[in-house]
Amino acid sequence: QVQLVESGGGLVQAGGSLRLSCAASGRTFSSYVMGWFRQAPGKVREFVATISGSGSSTYYLESVNGRFTISRDNAKNAVFLQMNSLKPEDTAVYYCAAKSASSGIYDYWGQGTQVTVSS
């Protein structure tokens, strides 16, 4: 079992930055692929970024590539999402998720943190 708790959301002006954090429980954190997803009002949840267990491989939603950076600290059981050059369309609830190596889907989800970007 993995429990995930996000933090770092808030209100920021367009062009600003925020850093989201996700604290994970468990002793095998490095074995999990971690991801960030978001859900805007009235829209389906969408993938934002993912990072491999070792942190050596990352992948991004095209619209955030070059603006957002996902990273992890396995010693601290944490994953981060640095968001720069934020746009109003980035407004959403952001969720942290974990996927075990043997699973094809993200098995564990956090409660989400609100990010609001004003124009």
Protein backbone atom coordinates (compact mmCIF):
# COMPACT_ATOMS: atom_id res chain seq x y z
CA GLN A 1 0.00 0.00 0.00
CA VAL A 2 1.12 3.52 -0.80
CA GLN A 3 -0.40 6.67 0.61
CA LEU A 4 0.16 9.92 -1.25
CA VAL A 5 -0.28 13.47 0.03
CA GLU A 6 0.11 16.46 -2.28
CA SER A 7 0.97 20.00 -1.27
CA GLY A 8 2.12 23.24 -2.82
CA GLY A 9 -0.92 24.32 -4.78
CA GLY A 10 -2.26 27.84 -4.70
CA LEU A 11 -3.17 30.97 -6.63
CA VAL A 12 -0.58 32.46 -8.97
CA GLN A 13 -0.61 35.00 -11.78
CA ALA A 14 -0.01 33.94 -15.36
CA GLY A 15 3.70 33.63 -16.01
CA GLY A 16 4.40 32.67 -12.42
CA SER A 17 5.70 29.45 -10.90
CA LEU A 18 4.63 26.86 -8.38
CA ARG A 19 6.27 23.70 -7.06
CA LEU A 20 4.03 20.82 -6.13
CA SER A 21 5.21 18.14 -3.76
CA CYS A 22 3.90 14.65 -3.13
CA ALA A 23 4.90 12.76 0.00
CA ALA A 24 4.61 8.98 -0.19
CA SER A 25 4.45 6.35 2.50
CA GLY A 26 6.01 2.91 2.19
CA ARG A 27 9.46 1.39 2.08
CA THR A 28 9.59 0.56 -1.62
CA PHE A 29 9.00 4.01 -3.08
CA SER A 30 11.78 3.67 -5.62
CA SER A 31 10.01 0.70 -7.19
CA TYR A 32 7.05 2.83 -8.22
CA VAL A 33 6.60 4.84 -11.37
CA MET A 34 5.19 8.19 -10.29
CA GLY A 35 2.93 10.50 -12.20
CA TRP A 36 1.14 13.82 -12.02
CA PHE A 37 -2.34 14.24 -13.44
CA ARG A 38 -4.77 17.15 -13.46
CA GLN A 39 -8.48 17.72 -13.76
CA ALA A 40 -10.00 21.05 -14.71
CA PRO A 41 -13.66 21.85 -13.99
CA GLY A 42 -15.94 20.07 -16.43
CA LYS A 43 -13.07 18.13 -18.01
CA VAL A 44 -11.73 14.62 -17.70
CA ARG A 45 -8.57 13.95 -15.73
CA GLU A 46 -5.50 14.14 -17.94
CA PHE A 47 -1.93 12.97 -17.70
CA VAL A 48 0.68 15.66 -17.06
CA ALA A 49 4.02 13.98 -16.41
CA THR A 50 5.61 10.73 -15.32
CA ILE A 51 8.97 9.66 -13.93
CA SER A 52 10.56 6.23 -13.65
CA GLY A 53 11.52 4.65 -10.35
CA SER A 54 15.16 5.65 -10.67
CA GLY A 55 14.31 9.10 -11.95
CA SER A 56 16.27 8.57 -15.15
CA SER A 57 13.28 8.67 -17.47
CA THR A 58 10.55 11.29 -17.73
CA TYR A 59 7.70 12.03 -20.11
CA TYR A 60 5.38 15.02 -20.40
CA LEU A 61 2.08 16.15 -21.82
CA GLU A 62 3.01 18.10 -24.92
CA SER A 63 1.41 21.33 -23.72
CA VAL A 64 3.55 21.43 -20.55
CA ASN A 65 6.81 20.14 -22.03
CA GLY A 66 9.52 22.73 -21.47
CA ARG A 67 7.52 24.50 -18.76
CA PHE A 68 7.03 21.73 -16.18
CA THR A 69 9.69 19.47 -14.66
CA ILE A 70 9.00 16.29 -12.73
CA SER A 71 11.60 15.00 -10.30
CA ARG A 72 11.84 12.67 -7.34
CA ASP A 73 13.88 12.13 -4.20
CA ASN A 74 13.77 8.45 -3.33
CA ALA A 75 15.60 9.00 -0.06
CA LYS A 76 12.75 11.24 1.07
CA ASN A 77 9.92 9.30 -0.60
CA ALA A 78 8.86 12.37 -2.52
CA VAL A 79 8.05 13.46 -6.03
CA PHE A 80 7.86 17.02 -7.28
CA LEU A 81 6.39 19.01 -10.13
CA GLN A 82 8.06 22.34 -10.84
CA MET A 83 5.68 24.45 -12.91
CA ASN A 84 7.01 27.56 -14.64
CA SER A 85 5.45 30.01 -17.08
CA LEU A 86 2.02 29.06 -15.83
CA LYS A 87 -1.00 29.79 -17.99
CA PRO A 88 -4.69 30.14 -17.07
CA GLU A 89 -5.35 26.86 -18.88
CA ASP A 90 -3.12 25.11 -16.33
CA THR A 91 -5.79 25.76 -13.70
CA ALA A 92 -6.90 22.41 -12.29
CA VAL A 93 -6.74 20.07 -9.36
CA TYR A 94 -3.39 18.29 -9.58
CA TYR A 95 -3.06 14.69 -8.44
CA CYS A 96 -0.05 12.59 -7.63
CA ALA A 97 -0.26 8.89 -8.53
CA ALA A 98 1.86 5.77 -8.19
CA LYS A 99 2.11 2.71 -10.39
CA SER A 100 3.87 -0.50 -9.39
CA ALA A 101 6.19 -2.18 -11.85
CA SER A 102 3.79 -5.06 -12.30
CA SER A 103 0.73 -2.90 -12.89
CA GLY A 104 -0.42 -1.35 -16.11
CA ILE A 105 -2.40 1.34 -14.36
CA TYR A 106 -1.84 3.86 -11.60
CA ASP A 107 -2.94 2.07 -8.46
CA TYR A 108 -2.62 4.80 -5.86
CA TRP A 109 -3.79 8.40 -5.88
CA GLY A 110 -3.50 11.40 -3.65
CA GLN A 111 -6.36 13.69 -2.69
CA GLY A 112 -5.27 16.46 -5.04
CA THR A 113 -4.13 20.05 -4.67
CA GLN A 114 -5.75 23.06 -6.36
CA VAL A 115 -3.72 25.19 -8.75
CA THR A 116 -5.34 28.39 -9.97
CA VAL A 117 -3.65 30.64 -12.52
CA SER A 118 -5.14 34.09 -12.94
CA SER A 119 -4.86 36.05 -16.17
